[in-house]
């Protein structure tokens, strides 16, 4: 079939089937069983039956038969069951550790989950056979991911030298030509890919799959439609098209197609996951206006859905005119209360973690604050993702990941100084060391980071590139680059055209980045002491070293940590105060502010504690403990503006707990901001707090003040339903039920 003779292939399949049906006893050797199993799968046999009743028997009879492991692995990969595929290849490699086909297969199994294992497997396969085409094709795939198109082309040259008519090699050439905006070369390569067999659906399937991996979902979907037109029964193309449509916001067709794929192939894991998710999302609630459709779990939308909508309106009003883009309407934002549901909607698989939100262009998916085990500012996440909406639509998704992420992180910082990534002690060291990536190779920094920290560093560096261009060339240049990308120009060419020659840009940016790092906490001594000095035995030497380095970051932290551990609060204050004086922008779990606040509080230094808390809250957008304490202090001092400010800060991190709403209701009532207080009390009731009766009563008082007597009466009845002997509620209800002429004026709520 791969050689373009489908009729002959069908005849051979029929012959194999008849041979087994007529004389099974003649074909019981393991190799024949594998051939029979593969044939059975082609003609529609149940995959589980083939695994259990054919491949398992063959493997038991001959554990060293490589074909059985390959057949099992290929079947699992086809069904998107990567764990099962990995198991098959791993079992095969135990008996055939140097087999390049098994090594290459293992690389495919791990490509989506553990790239380091995948790349190690590919390297091992290439070592065993430098001309192994499946391995070389995977290298091409990764090179395209990293936009190393010249390297990918060289690898394809190697493959074509081995097999001049290899369909996948020419399909990849077509992808590269498409991404380089060369339609003539694109068509030529696709024609060559289809040259052996013009009806081969795998060509357009591969082209579309790779384009979608580059976030070109519309082009990817078009390619899958071409594949389906060639072979309506080619299920992989239908499955990929379903995913593309859902990412394009074409939900009606996308969900229907996912259901169709599941019905045609119940073992396709990705289709099963999508169909299951659709049933879950059918229970979601929606908020919408002309610009946005927001889908959330019903209990959550009632609590903070309006906050989401208000934030997105603000982001739209800020970013759309700033970048001069006209957005397709509406933008869909889906917020998932279960991280596995988010992963399925975003990646097709439930076990992908590490992402807070993802934008496809018109569709944004995000994790609910309920899914996070640590504090995360959901407002900054949604602002970041909506910026992707702007830049991806402005470029028709024709932009590299590094620039898209760089603009989004930059715009976070523009929106709120406490948001977004900033240089910290570790990033300072990386910027001044050997970790800075040349601007022309930024895409690879996201694809092949040395560690999770290096991936995060790539986000920071990309935002610094944007910051540098805006500061030195103006935002107009960023907009011009985005417009150029929309026309299909390659990123480095666009930068050269509108900003500066690439070599000059790289040199000047590197200088800028290092200057930023050197100016960071400039008065701090960053030299690292010998690790042996930090051990108890090195105390004397450390003291001598410290006298020469009184403002050393590492020593100040060590002194503070030891004093805090020994509860020597006054002693701890000295290095902590110096740390926050020299490095005032500290945030995160190891911020010196946290310990400083604890020391002040332990010493009863209320004013100093409040001052440290305020400074901490200004620079850290996820410091919920600081916000809570400031709400308590503000309430005690009747500083209602401070209470409102910190309640809002808290809600930007976790809108699903009652505490900030209690403070917000109290402060807003005291400020005579009835509307805000009403919303806060209604939200408290939605959260099913123990003090529901009091919340209903307080809400009734506010509604009475606003003249909404019927609703106030309803709230009082709800309060009395919770607590039948609630005297104040009974009294107010009686007052509301009196004739208007007899009713006393409503008292102002204290």
Foldseek 3Di string as FASTA:
>chain_A
DLQACVVVVVVVLVVLVVVCVVCVVVQPALVSLLVVLVSCVVVPDANVCSVVVGLVSSCVRPVQPLSSLLSQLVVCVVLVNLVSNLVSLVSNCVNVVQALSSLLSNLSSCVVPPNVSNVVSLVSSCVSPVLPVSSLLVVLLLCVLLVVLVVSVVSLVSNCVVPVQALSSLLSQLLSCVLLVNNVSNVVSNCSSCVSHVLQLVSLQNSLVSCVSLLLLVSSLVSLVVSCVSPVPPLSSLLSNLLSCLQVVVPVVSLVSLVVSCVSPVSRQLSVLSVVLVVVQVQWDWDDDWAEIETEHVLVCLQCVVVLVVLVVVLCVPQCVVLVDDADPYQYEYEYAEQQSLCCSPPSGRPDDDDQWDHSQSYIYGYDLNHDPAWDQVSLVVSLRVLLNNLCNLQSSLDAPLLSLLVSQLVSCVVAVQDHDDDDLVLLCCLPDDLDDQPVSLSVQCSDPPDPVSNVSSSVLSVLLVVVQCVPPNVVLVSQLSNVSSSSHDNQVSCCVRPNNSVVSRVVSSVVSNVSSCPQLVVADADDDDPVCLDPVNVVVVVVVCVVHVRHPVVLLSQLVVCVVVVVLVSNLVSLVSNCVSHVLDEDDSRSLVSNLVSCVVVVVVVSNLVSLVSHVSNHLRPLVSLLVQLVVCVVVVVLVSLLVSLVSNCSGPSLDLRSLVSQLVSCLVVVVLVSNLSSLSSNVSSVDPQQLVSLQVNLLSCVVVVVLVSSLVSLVVSCVSPVVPPVSVVVNVLSPDPPVPRDRRDRDD
